[in-house]
């Protein structure tokens, strides 16, 4: 994953959640970075678990500084709201 987003940009926040903080030049750059990570997570091999196999997918939410805030809590809240909007939509963002 670090090849997709950069080693210094990843941080874990919970068992199934992953936080990334990175500097990009534009929203398009951020979307491209998120899509690269999503594609890496979804690509084979499928992970075995107790003899079963399952597919890993990634749904995320992005926020942008300074337009949406300059502190971690504000930016994280904006991204988290987008994450849950995507989850409730039932599909991966394109």
PDB file of N, CA and C in Angstrom:
ATOM      1  N   UNK A   1       0.809  -1.192   0.000  1.00  0.00           N
ATOM      2  CA  UNK A   1       0.000   0.000   0.000  1.00  0.00           C
ATOM      3  C   UNK A   1       0.853   1.255   0.000  1.00  0.00           C
ATOM      4  N   UNK A   2       2.010   1.198   0.624  1.00  0.00           N
ATOM      5  CA  UNK A   2       2.836   2.403   0.691  1.00  0.00           C
ATOM      6  C   UNK A   2       3.292   2.840  -0.685  1.00  0.00           C
ATOM      7  N   UNK A   3       3.387   1.915  -1.627  1.00  0.00           N
ATOM      8  CA  UNK A   3       3.751   2.293  -2.990  1.00  0.00           C
ATOM      9  C   UNK A   3       2.630   3.101  -3.641  1.00  0.00           C
ATOM     10  N   UNK A   4       1.403   2.919  -3.171  1.00  0.00           N
ATOM     11  CA  UNK A   4       0.268   3.626  -3.749  1.00  0.00           C
ATOM     12  C   UNK A   4       0.076   5.017  -3.177  1.00  0.00           C
ATOM     13  N   UNK A   5       0.347   5.182  -1.878  1.00  0.00           N
ATOM     14  CA  UNK A   5       0.071   6.475  -1.258  1.00  0.00           C
ATOM     15  C   UNK A   5       1.275   7.101  -0.577  1.00  0.00           C
ATOM     16  N   UNK A   6       2.295   6.342  -0.317  1.00  0.00           N
ATOM     17  CA  UNK A   6       3.484   6.876   0.342  1.00  0.00           C
ATOM     18  C   UNK A   6       3.591   6.382   1.772  1.00  0.00           C
ATOM     19  N   UNK A   7       4.778   5.955   2.148  1.00  0.00           N
ATOM     20  CA  UNK A   7       4.993   5.352   3.458  1.00  0.00           C
ATOM     21  C   UNK A   7       4.639   6.286   4.605  1.00  0.00           C
ATOM     22  N   UNK A   8       4.902   7.572   4.472  1.00  0.00           N
ATOM     23  CA  UNK A   8       4.659   8.509   5.558  1.00  0.00           C
ATOM     24  C   UNK A   8       3.220   8.992   5.630  1.00  0.00           C
ATOM     25  N   UNK A   9       2.368   8.551   4.706  1.00  0.00           N
ATOM     26  CA  UNK A   9       0.996   9.044   4.644  1.00  0.00           C
ATOM     27  C   UNK A   9      -0.026   8.124   5.303  1.00  0.00           C
ATOM     28  N   UNK A  10       0.388   6.948   5.760  1.00  0.00           N
ATOM     29  CA  UNK A  10      -0.567   5.991   6.300  1.00  0.00           C
ATOM     30  C   UNK A  10      -0.559   5.980   7.813  1.00  0.00           C
ATOM     31  N   UNK A  11      -1.753   5.816   8.388  1.00  0.00           N
ATOM     32  CA  UNK A  11      -1.875   5.643   9.830  1.00  0.00           C
ATOM     33  C   UNK A  11      -3.132   4.841  10.096  1.00  0.00           C
ATOM     34  N   UNK A  12      -3.071   3.879  10.981  1.00  0.00           N
ATOM     35  CA  UNK A  12      -4.245   3.097  11.322  1.00  0.00           C
ATOM     36  C   UNK A  12      -5.069   3.818  12.366  1.00  0.00           C
ATOM     37  N   UNK A  13      -6.407   3.695  12.293  1.00  0.00           N
ATOM     38  CA  UNK A  13      -7.240   4.332  13.300  1.00  0.00           C
ATOM     39  C   UNK A  13      -8.189   3.358  13.983  1.00  0.00           C
ATOM     40  N   UNK A  14      -8.447   2.202  13.394  1.00  0.00           N
ATOM     41  CA  UNK A  14      -9.290   1.172  14.004  1.00  0.00           C
ATOM     42  C   UNK A  14      -9.122  -0.097  13.187  1.00  0.00           C
ATOM     43  N   UNK A  15      -9.755  -1.170  13.644  1.00  0.00           N
ATOM     44  CA  UNK A  15      -9.570  -2.470  12.999  1.00  0.00           C
ATOM     45  C   UNK A  15      -9.876  -2.435  11.511  1.00  0.00           C
ATOM     46  N   UNK A  16     -10.975  -1.833  11.124  1.00  0.00           N
ATOM     47  CA  UNK A  16     -11.320  -1.812   9.712  1.00  0.00           C
ATOM     48  C   UNK A  16     -11.164  -0.438   9.083  1.00  0.00           C
ATOM     49  N   UNK A  17     -10.650   0.507   9.821  1.00  0.00           N
ATOM     50  CA  UNK A  17     -10.484   1.862   9.303  1.00  0.00           C
ATOM     51  C   UNK A  17      -9.018   2.203   9.119  1.00  0.00           C
ATOM     52  N   UNK A  18      -8.747   3.001   8.115  1.00  0.00           N
ATOM     53  CA  UNK A  18      -7.394   3.437   7.800  1.00  0.00           C
ATOM     54  C   UNK A  18      -7.440   4.923   7.506  1.00  0.00           C
ATOM     55  N   UNK A  19      -6.561   5.659   8.110  1.00  0.00           N
ATOM     56  CA  UNK A  19      -6.498   7.099   7.862  1.00  0.00           C
ATOM     57  C   UNK A  19      -5.244   7.408   7.074  1.00  0.00           C
ATOM     58  N   UNK A  20      -5.384   8.311   6.154  1.00  0.00           N
ATOM     59  CA  UNK A  20      -4.253   8.754   5.362  1.00  0.00           C
ATOM     60  C   UNK A  20      -4.265  10.267   5.311  1.00  0.00           C
ATOM     61  N   UNK A  21      -3.120  10.841   5.504  1.00  0.00           N
ATOM     62  CA  UNK A  21      -2.988  12.288   5.433  1.00  0.00           C
ATOM     63  C   UNK A  21      -1.852  12.573   4.469  1.00  0.00           C
ATOM     64  N   UNK A  22      -2.165  13.204   3.382  1.00  0.00           N
ATOM     65  CA  UNK A  22      -1.127  13.453   2.394  1.00  0.00           C
ATOM     66  C   UNK A  22      -1.340  14.774   1.694  1.00  0.00           C
ATOM     67  N   UNK A  23      -0.272  15.334   1.252  1.00  0.00           N
ATOM     68  CA  UNK A  23      -0.336  16.588   0.512  1.00  0.00           C
ATOM     69  C   UNK A  23      -0.435  16.278  -0.979  1.00  0.00           C
ATOM     70  N   UNK A  24      -1.413  16.860  -1.624  1.00  0.00           N
ATOM     71  CA  UNK A  24      -1.556  16.738  -3.068  1.00  0.00           C
ATOM     72  C   UNK A  24      -1.739  18.134  -3.653  1.00  0.00           C
ATOM     73  N   UNK A  25      -1.549  18.236  -4.921  1.00  0.00           N
ATOM     74  CA  UNK A  25      -1.684  19.523  -5.589  1.00  0.00           C
ATOM     75  C   UNK A  25      -3.128  19.870  -5.929  1.00  0.00           C
ATOM     76  N   UNK A  26      -3.990  18.853  -6.006  1.00  0.00           N
ATOM     77  CA  UNK A  26      -5.374  19.110  -6.404  1.00  0.00           C
ATOM     78  C   UNK A  26      -6.284  17.998  -5.886  1.00  0.00           C
ATOM     79  N   UNK A  27      -7.579  18.247  -5.961  1.00  0.00           N
ATOM     80  CA  UNK A  27      -8.545  17.217  -5.602  1.00  0.00           C
ATOM     81  C   UNK A  27      -8.416  16.020  -6.537  1.00  0.00           C
ATOM     82  N   UNK A  28      -8.133  16.279  -7.810  1.00  0.00           N
ATOM     83  CA  UNK A  28      -7.946  15.168  -8.754  1.00  0.00           C
ATOM     84  C   UNK A  28      -6.779  14.286  -8.351  1.00  0.00           C
ATOM     85  N   UNK A  29      -5.674  14.885  -7.879  1.00  0.00           N
ATOM     86  CA  UNK A  29      -4.532  14.096  -7.404  1.00  0.00           C
ATOM     87  C   UNK A  29      -4.940  13.217  -6.224  1.00  0.00           C
ATOM     88  N   UNK A  30      -5.716  13.780  -5.312  1.00  0.00           N
ATOM     89  CA  UNK A  30      -6.172  13.014  -4.145  1.00  0.00           C
ATOM     90  C   UNK A  30      -7.079  11.866  -4.572  1.00  0.00           C
ATOM     91  N   UNK A  31      -7.984  12.124  -5.516  1.00  0.00           N
ATOM     92  CA  UNK A  31      -8.865  11.067  -6.007  1.00  0.00           C
ATOM     93  C   UNK A  31      -8.081   9.976  -6.711  1.00  0.00           C
ATOM     94  N   UNK A  32      -7.085  10.354  -7.496  1.00  0.00           N
ATOM     95  CA  UNK A  32      -6.241   9.361  -8.167  1.00  0.00           C
ATOM     96  C   UNK A  32      -5.489   8.512  -7.144  1.00  0.00           C
ATOM     97  N   UNK A  33      -4.959   9.139  -6.085  1.00  0.00           N
ATOM     98  CA  UNK A  33      -4.256   8.405  -5.041  1.00  0.00           C
ATOM     99  C   UNK A  33      -5.206   7.430  -4.348  1.00  0.00           C
ATOM    100  N   UNK A  34      -6.420   7.881  -4.030  1.00  0.00           N
ATOM    101  CA  UNK A  34      -7.403   7.017  -3.379  1.00  0.00           C
ATOM    102  C   UNK A  34      -7.802   5.866  -4.288  1.00  0.00           C
ATOM    103  N   UNK A  35      -7.970   6.125  -5.567  1.00  0.00           N
ATOM    104  CA  UNK A  35      -8.328   5.063  -6.506  1.00  0.00           C
ATOM    105  C   UNK A  35      -7.207   4.048  -6.675  1.00  0.00           C
ATOM    106  N   UNK A  36      -5.947   4.503  -6.673  1.00  0.00           N
ATOM    107  CA  UNK A  36      -4.823   3.555  -6.736  1.00  0.00           C
ATOM    108  C   UNK A  36      -4.842   2.640  -5.518  1.00  0.00           C
ATOM    109  N   UNK A  37      -5.082   3.205  -4.352  1.00  0.00           N
ATOM    110  CA  UNK A  37      -5.143   2.397  -3.130  1.00  0.00           C
ATOM    111  C   UNK A  37      -6.316   1.422  -3.192  1.00  0.00           C
ATOM    112  N   UNK A  38      -7.474   1.881  -3.652  1.00  0.00           N
ATOM    113  CA  UNK A  38      -8.653   1.018  -3.758  1.00  0.00           C
ATOM    114  C   UNK A  38      -8.395  -0.139  -4.719  1.00  0.00           C
ATOM    115  N   UNK A  39      -7.758   0.158  -5.850  1.00  0.00           N
ATOM    116  CA  UNK A  39      -7.439  -0.889  -6.825  1.00  0.00           C
ATOM    117  C   UNK A  39      -6.449  -1.902  -6.258  1.00  0.00           C
ATOM    118  N   UNK A  40      -5.439  -1.429  -5.517  1.00  0.00           N
ATOM    119  CA  UNK A  40      -4.472  -2.347  -4.900  1.00  0.00           C
ATOM    120  C   UNK A  40      -5.142  -3.257  -3.891  1.00  0.00           C
ATOM    121  N   UNK A  41      -6.054  -2.692  -3.103  1.00  0.00           N
ATOM    122  CA  UNK A  41      -6.743  -3.489  -2.086  1.00  0.00           C
ATOM    123  C   UNK A  41      -7.642  -4.546  -2.725  1.00  0.00           C
ATOM    124  N   UNK A  42      -8.223  -4.234  -3.869  1.00  0.00           N
ATOM    125  CA  UNK A  42      -9.175  -5.135  -4.523  1.00  0.00           C
ATOM    126  C   UNK A  42      -8.514  -6.156  -5.436  1.00  0.00           C
ATOM    127  N   UNK A  43      -7.256  -5.954  -5.768  1.00  0.00           N
ATOM    128  CA  UNK A  43      -6.611  -6.846  -6.726  1.00  0.00           C
ATOM    129  C   UNK A  43      -6.252  -8.178  -6.087  1.00  0.00           C
ATOM    130  N   UNK A  44      -6.211  -9.257  -6.896  1.00  0.00           N
ATOM    131  CA  UNK A  44      -5.809 -10.561  -6.367  1.00  0.00           C
ATOM    132  C   UNK A  44      -4.402 -10.501  -5.804  1.00  0.00           C
ATOM    133  N   UNK A  45      -3.977 -11.373  -4.946  1.00  0.00           N
ATOM    134  CA  UNK A  45      -4.734 -12.573  -4.571  1.00  0.00           C
ATOM    135  C   UNK A  45      -5.803 -12.278  -3.520  1.00  0.00           C
ATOM    136  N   UNK A  46      -6.835 -13.105  -3.558  1.00  0.00           N
ATOM    137  CA  UNK A  46      -7.877 -13.054  -2.546  1.00  0.00           C
ATOM    138  C   UNK A  46      -7.292 -13.668  -1.284  1.00  0.00           C
ATOM    139  N   UNK A  47      -7.564 -13.091  -0.151  1.00  0.00           N
ATOM    140  CA  UNK A  47      -6.959 -13.530   1.102  1.00  0.00           C
ATOM    141  C   UNK A  47      -7.683 -14.732   1.690  1.00  0.00           C
ATOM    142  N   UNK A  48      -6.958 -15.822   2.018  1.00  0.00           N
ATOM    143  CA  UNK A  48      -7.616 -16.971   2.647  1.00  0.00           C
ATOM    144  C   UNK A  48      -7.869 -16.706   4.128  1.00  0.00           C
ATOM    145  N   UNK A  49      -8.997 -17.181   4.629  1.00  0.00           N
ATOM    146  CA  UNK A  49      -9.332 -17.045   6.048  1.00  0.00           C
ATOM    147  C   UNK A  49     -10.118 -18.280   6.462  1.00  0.00           C
ATOM    148  N   UNK A  50      -9.541 -19.087   7.329  1.00  0.00           N
ATOM    149  CA  UNK A  50     -10.185 -20.326   7.776  1.00  0.00           C
ATOM    150  C   UNK A  50     -10.668 -21.186   6.610  1.00  0.00           C
ATOM    151  N   UNK A  51      -9.878 -21.240   5.556  1.00  0.00           N
ATOM    152  CA  UNK A  51     -10.240 -22.049   4.405  1.00  0.00           C
ATOM    153  C   UNK A  51     -11.158 -21.345   3.427  1.00  0.00           C
ATOM    154  N   UNK A  52     -11.768 -20.250   3.840  1.00  0.00           N
ATOM    155  CA  UNK A  52     -12.628 -19.477   2.950  1.00  0.00           C
ATOM    156  C   UNK A  52     -11.810 -18.366   2.308  1.00  0.00           C
ATOM    157  N   UNK A  53     -12.293 -17.882   1.213  1.00  0.00           N
ATOM    158  CA  UNK A  53     -11.642 -16.752   0.549  1.00  0.00           C
ATOM    159  C   UNK A  53     -12.630 -15.585   0.512  1.00  0.00           C
ATOM    160  N   UNK A  54     -12.095 -14.410   0.602  1.00  0.00           N
ATOM    161  CA  UNK A  54     -12.957 -13.244   0.516  1.00  0.00           C
ATOM    162  C   UNK A  54     -12.242 -12.133  -0.227  1.00  0.00           C
ATOM    163  N   UNK A  55     -13.024 -11.217  -0.737  1.00  0.00           N
ATOM    164  CA  UNK A  55     -12.487 -10.077  -1.471  1.00  0.00           C
ATOM    165  C   UNK A  55     -12.439  -8.862  -0.547  1.00  0.00           C
ATOM    166  N   UNK A  56     -11.390  -8.103  -0.674  1.00  0.00           N
ATOM    167  CA  UNK A  56     -11.231  -6.882   0.104  1.00  0.00           C
ATOM    168  C   UNK A  56     -11.625  -5.709  -0.782  1.00  0.00           C
ATOM    169  N   UNK A  57     -12.475  -4.855  -0.255  1.00  0.00           N
ATOM    170  CA  UNK A  57     -12.836  -3.635  -0.960  1.00  0.00           C
ATOM    171  C   UNK A  57     -12.552  -2.449  -0.056  1.00  0.00           C
ATOM    172  N   UNK A  58     -12.473  -1.302  -0.653  1.00  0.00           N
ATOM    173  CA  UNK A  58     -12.175  -0.087   0.092  1.00  0.00           C
ATOM    174  C   UNK A  58     -13.173   0.987  -0.297  1.00  0.00           C
ATOM    175  N   UNK A  59     -13.809   1.553   0.683  1.00  0.00           N
ATOM    176  CA  UNK A  59     -14.676   2.711   0.487  1.00  0.00           C
ATOM    177  C   UNK A  59     -14.121   3.799   1.391  1.00  0.00           C
ATOM    178  N   UNK A  60     -14.012   4.997   0.873  1.00  0.00           N
ATOM    179  CA  UNK A  60     -13.400   6.047   1.664  1.00  0.00           C
ATOM    180  C   UNK A  60     -14.086   7.382   1.512  1.00  0.00           C
ATOM    181  N   UNK A  61     -13.625   8.294   2.332  1.00  0.00           N
ATOM    182  CA  UNK A  61     -14.083   9.675   2.267  1.00  0.00           C
ATOM    183  C   UNK A  61     -12.882  10.589   2.303  1.00  0.00           C
ATOM    184  N   UNK A  62     -12.923  11.635   1.524  1.00  0.00           N
ATOM    185  CA  UNK A  62     -11.822  12.597   1.464  1.00  0.00           C
ATOM    186  C   UNK A  62     -12.283  13.944   1.984  1.00  0.00           C
ATOM    187  N   UNK A  63     -11.341  14.692   2.534  1.00  0.00           N
ATOM    188  CA  UNK A  63     -11.581  16.090   2.880  1.00  0.00           C
ATOM    189  C   UNK A  63     -10.368  16.885   2.432  1.00  0.00           C
ATOM    190  N   UNK A  64     -10.555  18.186   2.296  1.00  0.00           N
ATOM    191  CA  UNK A  64      -9.511  19.011   1.704  1.00  0.00           C
ATOM    192  C   UNK A  64      -9.257  20.277   2.518  1.00  0.00           C
ATOM    193  N   UNK A  65      -7.994  20.471   2.872  1.00  0.00           N
ATOM    194  CA  UNK A  65      -7.571  21.683   3.580  1.00  0.00           C
ATOM    195  C   UNK A  65      -7.027  22.660   2.558  1.00  0.00           C
ATOM    196  N   UNK A  66      -7.172  23.911   2.740  1.00  0.00           N
ATOM    197  CA  UNK A  66      -7.846  24.589   3.854  1.00  0.00           C
ATOM    198  C   UNK A  66      -9.324  24.835   3.620  1.00  0.00           C
ATOM    199  N   UNK A  67      -9.866  24.443   2.451  1.00  0.00           N
ATOM    200  CA  UNK A  67     -11.264  24.752   2.121  1.00  0.00           C
ATOM    201  C   UNK A  67     -12.248  24.200   3.149  1.00  0.00           C
ATOM    202  N   UNK A  68     -11.948  23.034   3.731  1.00  0.00           N
ATOM    203  CA  UNK A  68     -12.886  22.401   4.658  1.00  0.00           C
ATOM    204  C   UNK A  68     -12.389  22.404   6.097  1.00  0.00           C
ATOM    205  N   UNK A  69     -11.315  23.093   6.346  1.00  0.00           N
ATOM    206  CA  UNK A  69     -10.768  23.176   7.696  1.00  0.00           C
ATOM    207  C   UNK A  69      -9.266  23.068   7.667  1.00  0.00           C
ATOM    208  N   UNK A  70      -8.664  23.371   8.805  1.00  0.00           N
ATOM    209  CA  UNK A  70      -7.209  23.305   8.900  1.00  0.00           C
ATOM    210  C   UNK A  70      -6.741  22.439  10.055  1.00  0.00           C
ATOM    211  N   UNK A  71      -7.668  21.943  10.858  1.00  0.00           N
ATOM    212  CA  UNK A  71      -7.259  21.080  11.978  1.00  0.00           C
ATOM    213  C   UNK A  71      -7.743  19.654  11.732  1.00  0.00           C
ATOM    214  N   UNK A  72      -7.045  18.711  12.380  1.00  0.00           N
ATOM    215  CA  UNK A  72      -7.317  17.287  12.194  1.00  0.00           C
ATOM    216  C   UNK A  72      -8.777  16.940  12.459  1.00  0.00           C
ATOM    217  N   UNK A  73      -9.344  17.398  13.565  1.00  0.00           N
ATOM    218  CA  UNK A  73     -10.709  17.007  13.923  1.00  0.00           C
ATOM    219  C   UNK A  73     -11.723  17.428  12.861  1.00  0.00           C
ATOM    220  N   UNK A  74     -11.604  18.645  12.366  1.00  0.00           N
ATOM    221  CA  UNK A  74     -12.538  19.139  11.349  1.00  0.00           C
ATOM    222  C   UNK A  74     -12.386  18.356  10.050  1.00  0.00           C
ATOM    223  N   UNK A  75     -11.152  18.150   9.627  1.00  0.00           N
ATOM    224  CA  UNK A  75     -10.908  17.421   8.380  1.00  0.00           C
ATOM    225  C   UNK A  75     -11.321  15.959   8.503  1.00  0.00           C
ATOM    226  N   UNK A  76     -11.022  15.330   9.641  1.00  0.00           N
ATOM    227  CA  UNK A  76     -11.400  13.939   9.846  1.00  0.00           C
ATOM    228  C   UNK A  76     -12.923  13.792   9.856  1.00  0.00           C
ATOM    229  N   UNK A  77     -13.613  14.714  10.497  1.00  0.00           N
ATOM    230  CA  UNK A  77     -15.076  14.659  10.540  1.00  0.00           C
ATOM    231  C   UNK A  77     -15.666  14.771   9.140  1.00  0.00           C
ATOM    232  N   UNK A  78     -15.152  15.689   8.327  1.00  0.00           N
ATOM    233  CA  UNK A  78     -15.641  15.843   6.954  1.00  0.00           C
ATOM    234  C   UNK A  78     -15.408  14.565   6.145  1.00  0.00           C
ATOM    235  N   UNK A  79     -14.218  13.985   6.266  1.00  0.00           N
ATOM    236  CA  UNK A  79     -13.911  12.742   5.546  1.00  0.00           C
ATOM    237  C   UNK A  79     -14.772  11.591   6.051  1.00  0.00           C
ATOM    238  N   UNK A  80     -14.978  11.516   7.356  1.00  0.00           N
ATOM    239  CA  UNK A  80     -15.784  10.452   7.947  1.00  0.00           C
ATOM    240  C   UNK A  80     -17.236  10.543   7.475  1.00  0.00           C
ATOM    241  N   UNK A  81     -17.763  11.751   7.374  1.00  0.00           N
ATOM    242  CA  UNK A  81     -19.129  11.916   6.877  1.00  0.00           C
ATOM    243  C   UNK A  81     -19.244  11.436   5.436  1.00  0.00           C
ATOM    244  N   UNK A  82     -18.245  11.712   4.632  1.00  0.00           N
ATOM    245  CA  UNK A  82     -18.254  11.238   3.242  1.00  0.00           C
ATOM    246  C   UNK A  82     -18.118   9.721   3.176  1.00  0.00           C
ATOM    247  N   UNK A  83     -17.301   9.155   4.057  1.00  0.00           N
ATOM    248  CA  UNK A  83     -17.156   7.700   4.120  1.00  0.00           C
ATOM    249  C   UNK A  83     -18.500   7.039   4.373  1.00  0.00           C
ATOM    250  N   UNK A  84     -19.222   7.510   5.378  1.00  0.00           N
ATOM    251  CA  UNK A  84     -20.498   6.887   5.714  1.00  0.00           C
ATOM    252  C   UNK A  84     -21.553   7.163   4.649  1.00  0.00           C
ATOM    253  N   UNK A  85     -21.483   8.298   3.967  1.00  0.00           N
ATOM    254  CA  UNK A  85     -22.388   8.546   2.842  1.00  0.00           C
ATOM    255  C   UNK A  85     -22.131   7.525   1.733  1.00  0.00           C
ATOM    256  N   UNK A  86     -20.860   7.233   1.463  1.00  0.00           N
ATOM    257  CA  UNK A  86     -20.517   6.231   0.441  1.00  0.00           C
ATOM    258  C   UNK A  86     -20.973   4.841   0.883  1.00  0.00           C
ATOM    259  N   UNK A  87     -20.755   4.498   2.149  1.00  0.00           N
ATOM    260  CA  UNK A  87     -21.201   3.187   2.649  1.00  0.00           C
ATOM    261  C   UNK A  87     -22.712   3.059   2.562  1.00  0.00           C
ATOM    262  N   UNK A  88     -23.437   4.089   2.941  1.00  0.00           N
ATOM    263  CA  UNK A  88     -24.889   4.043   2.907  1.00  0.00           C
ATOM    264  C   UNK A  88     -25.428   4.025   1.482  1.00  0.00           C
ATOM    265  N   UNK A  89     -24.622   4.500   0.533  1.00  0.00           N
ATOM    266  CA  UNK A  89     -25.016   4.453  -0.866  1.00  0.00           C
ATOM    267  C   UNK A  89     -24.918   3.059  -1.448  1.00  0.00           C
ATOM    268  N   UNK A  90     -24.172   2.190  -0.759  1.00  0.00           N
ATOM    269  CA  UNK A  90     -24.095   0.798  -1.178  1.00  0.00           C
ATOM    270  C   UNK A  90     -23.191   0.532  -2.371  1.00  0.00           C
ATOM    271  N   UNK A  91     -22.386   1.478  -2.734  1.00  0.00           N
ATOM    272  CA  UNK A  91     -21.494   1.235  -3.865  1.00  0.00           C
ATOM    273  C   UNK A  91     -20.185   1.975  -3.664  1.00  0.00           C
ATOM    274  N   UNK A  92     -19.174   1.488  -4.349  1.00  0.00           N
ATOM    275  CA  UNK A  92     -17.870   2.145  -4.303  1.00  0.00           C
ATOM    276  C   UNK A  92     -17.934   3.399  -5.167  1.00  0.00           C
ATOM    277  N   UNK A  93     -17.342   4.487  -4.692  1.00  0.00           N
ATOM    278  CA  UNK A  93     -17.324   5.687  -5.524  1.00  0.00           C
ATOM    279  C   UNK A  93     -16.492   5.460  -6.771  1.00  0.00           C
ATOM    280  N   UNK A  94     -16.843   6.132  -7.860  1.00  0.00           N
ATOM    281  CA  UNK A  94     -16.063   5.991  -9.081  1.00  0.00           C
ATOM    282  C   UNK A  94     -15.180   7.197  -9.273  1.00  0.00           C
TER     283      UNK A  94
END
